[in-house]
Amino acid sequence: MEHLFWVCPCAVALWTKLVTHWTGERGSRQRTQQFLEACASRQVHAIPKHRTEIVKERFQDDVVEAERAWKQKWHILAKICQTKL
């Protein structure tokens, strides 16, 4: 099972795409690995700084709730990736 989720070239491509979308940064193997480890431990990797700034700007009245929702999105996206694999 581990191979299917973390080593398979298709899986790595899928996770890299997710991490690139999440962070807004160009994907790298090291960055993807950090997110894979967070996902495996069912943790949400820190919201990228530029995304946090967007959340603060757009949801000034309830930043805490917006950050919670953003983290929930990570769990949903990670589950979709796992399901697709």
C-alpha atoms as a PDB file:
ATOM      1  CA  MET A   1       0.000   0.000   0.000  1.00  0.00           C
ATOM      2  CA  GLU A   2       2.778   2.440   0.862  1.00  0.00           C
ATOM      3  CA  HIS A   3       4.138   2.194  -2.682  1.00  0.00           C
ATOM      4  CA  LEU A   4       0.753   3.048  -4.137  1.00  0.00           C
ATOM      5  CA  PHE A   5       0.317   6.211  -2.087  1.00  0.00           C
ATOM      6  CA  TRP A   6       3.838   7.607  -1.786  1.00  0.00           C
ATOM      7  CA  VAL A   7       6.203   6.081  -4.360  1.00  0.00           C
ATOM      8  CA  CYS A   8       4.196   5.340  -7.501  1.00  0.00           C
ATOM      9  CA  PRO A   9       5.032   7.962 -10.189  1.00  0.00           C
ATOM     10  CA  CYS A  10       1.334   8.674 -10.760  1.00  0.00           C
ATOM     11  CA  ALA A  11       0.790   9.174  -7.036  1.00  0.00           C
ATOM     12  CA  VAL A  12       3.788  11.470  -6.744  1.00  0.00           C
ATOM     13  CA  ALA A  13       2.507  13.515  -9.707  1.00  0.00           C
ATOM     14  CA  LEU A  14      -0.947  13.791  -8.133  1.00  0.00           C
ATOM     15  CA  TRP A  15       0.407  14.841  -4.737  1.00  0.00           C
ATOM     16  CA  THR A  16       2.827  17.301  -6.359  1.00  0.00           C
ATOM     17  CA  LYS A  17      -0.075  18.894  -8.224  1.00  0.00           C
ATOM     18  CA  LEU A  18      -2.068  19.194  -4.985  1.00  0.00           C
ATOM     19  CA  VAL A  19       0.849  20.697  -3.060  1.00  0.00           C
ATOM     20  CA  THR A  20       1.603  23.123  -5.892  1.00  0.00           C
ATOM     21  CA  HIS A  21      -2.022  24.246  -5.928  1.00  0.00           C
ATOM     22  CA  TRP A  22      -2.163  24.497  -2.132  1.00  0.00           C
ATOM     23  CA  THR A  23       1.051  26.473  -1.735  1.00  0.00           C
ATOM     24  CA  GLY A  24       0.981  28.446  -4.958  1.00  0.00           C
ATOM     25  CA  GLU A  25       4.663  27.554  -5.309  1.00  0.00           C
ATOM     26  CA  ARG A  26       6.463  25.488  -7.888  1.00  0.00           C
ATOM     27  CA  GLY A  27       6.452  21.883  -6.758  1.00  0.00           C
ATOM     28  CA  SER A  28       9.529  20.143  -5.413  1.00  0.00           C
ATOM     29  CA  ARG A  29      10.121  16.626  -4.186  1.00  0.00           C
ATOM     30  CA  GLN A  30      11.176  17.896  -0.743  1.00  0.00           C
ATOM     31  CA  ARG A  31       8.121  20.137  -0.373  1.00  0.00           C
ATOM     32  CA  THR A  32       5.806  17.350  -1.499  1.00  0.00           C
ATOM     33  CA  GLN A  33       7.441  14.970   1.003  1.00  0.00           C
ATOM     34  CA  GLN A  34       6.714  17.412   3.835  1.00  0.00           C
ATOM     35  CA  PHE A  35       3.054  17.432   2.877  1.00  0.00           C
ATOM     36  CA  LEU A  36       2.949  13.648   2.505  1.00  0.00           C
ATOM     37  CA  GLU A  37       4.284  13.260   6.028  1.00  0.00           C
ATOM     38  CA  ALA A  38       1.703  15.717   7.343  1.00  0.00           C
ATOM     39  CA  CYS A  39      -1.045  13.868   5.493  1.00  0.00           C
ATOM     40  CA  ALA A  40       0.129  10.480   6.766  1.00  0.00           C
ATOM     41  CA  SER A  41      -0.053  11.787  10.327  1.00  0.00           C
ATOM     42  CA  ARG A  42      -3.454  13.364   9.575  1.00  0.00           C
ATOM     43  CA  GLN A  43      -2.068  16.840  10.244  1.00  0.00           C
ATOM     44  CA  VAL A  44      -2.619  19.941   8.185  1.00  0.00           C
ATOM     45  CA  HIS A  45       0.580  21.464   6.933  1.00  0.00           C
ATOM     46  CA  ALA A  46       0.808  25.148   7.761  1.00  0.00           C
ATOM     47  CA  ILE A  47      -1.209  27.422   5.535  1.00  0.00           C
ATOM     48  CA  PRO A  48       1.283  29.159   3.232  1.00  0.00           C
ATOM     49  CA  LYS A  49       2.009  32.757   4.217  1.00  0.00           C
ATOM     50  CA  HIS A  50       0.584  34.304   1.044  1.00  0.00           C
ATOM     51  CA  ARG A  51      -2.599  32.243   1.433  1.00  0.00           C
ATOM     52  CA  THR A  52      -2.902  33.385   5.052  1.00  0.00           C
ATOM     53  CA  GLU A  53      -2.664  36.986   3.897  1.00  0.00           C
ATOM     54  CA  ILE A  54      -5.438  36.397   1.349  1.00  0.00           C
ATOM     55  CA  VAL A  55      -7.634  34.825   4.045  1.00  0.00           C
ATOM     56  CA  LYS A  56      -7.021  37.772   6.388  1.00  0.00           C
ATOM     57  CA  GLU A  57      -7.849  40.266   3.659  1.00  0.00           C
ATOM     58  CA  ARG A  58     -10.998  38.564   2.376  1.00  0.00           C
ATOM     59  CA  PHE A  59     -12.431  37.416   5.694  1.00  0.00           C
ATOM     60  CA  GLN A  60     -11.545  40.268   8.029  1.00  0.00           C
ATOM     61  CA  ASP A  61     -14.589  39.678  10.209  1.00  0.00           C
ATOM     62  CA  ASP A  62     -13.784  36.050  10.984  1.00  0.00           C
ATOM     63  CA  VAL A  63     -10.181  35.135  10.226  1.00  0.00           C
ATOM     64  CA  VAL A  64     -10.133  32.228  12.696  1.00  0.00           C
ATOM     65  CA  GLU A  65     -13.135  30.555  11.061  1.00  0.00           C
ATOM     66  CA  ALA A  66     -11.714  31.181   7.593  1.00  0.00           C
ATOM     67  CA  GLU A  67      -8.408  29.538   8.573  1.00  0.00           C
ATOM     68  CA  ARG A  68     -10.313  26.574  10.023  1.00  0.00           C
ATOM     69  CA  ALA A  69     -12.228  26.221   6.766  1.00  0.00           C
ATOM     70  CA  TRP A  70      -9.012  26.469   4.745  1.00  0.00           C
ATOM     71  CA  LYS A  71      -7.466  23.652   6.813  1.00  0.00           C
ATOM     72  CA  GLN A  72     -10.611  21.607   6.309  1.00  0.00           C
ATOM     73  CA  LYS A  73     -10.136  22.056   2.564  1.00  0.00           C
ATOM     74  CA  TRP A  74      -6.710  20.457   2.888  1.00  0.00           C
ATOM     75  CA  HIS A  75      -8.241  17.384   4.545  1.00  0.00           C
ATOM     76  CA  ILE A  76     -10.842  17.127   1.791  1.00  0.00           C
ATOM     77  CA  LEU A  77      -8.292  17.507  -1.005  1.00  0.00           C
ATOM     78  CA  ALA A  78      -5.963  14.984   0.619  1.00  0.00           C
ATOM     79  CA  LYS A  79      -8.834  12.495   0.955  1.00  0.00           C
ATOM     80  CA  ILE A  80      -9.729  12.975  -2.706  1.00  0.00           C
ATOM     81  CA  CYS A  81      -6.127  12.228  -3.664  1.00  0.00           C
ATOM     82  CA  GLN A  82      -6.097   9.097  -1.525  1.00  0.00           C
ATOM     83  CA  THR A  83      -9.415   7.966  -2.972  1.00  0.00           C
ATOM     84  CA  LYS A  84      -8.262   8.562  -6.552  1.00  0.00           C
ATOM     85  CA  LEU A  85      -5.214   6.394  -5.940  1.00  0.00           C
END
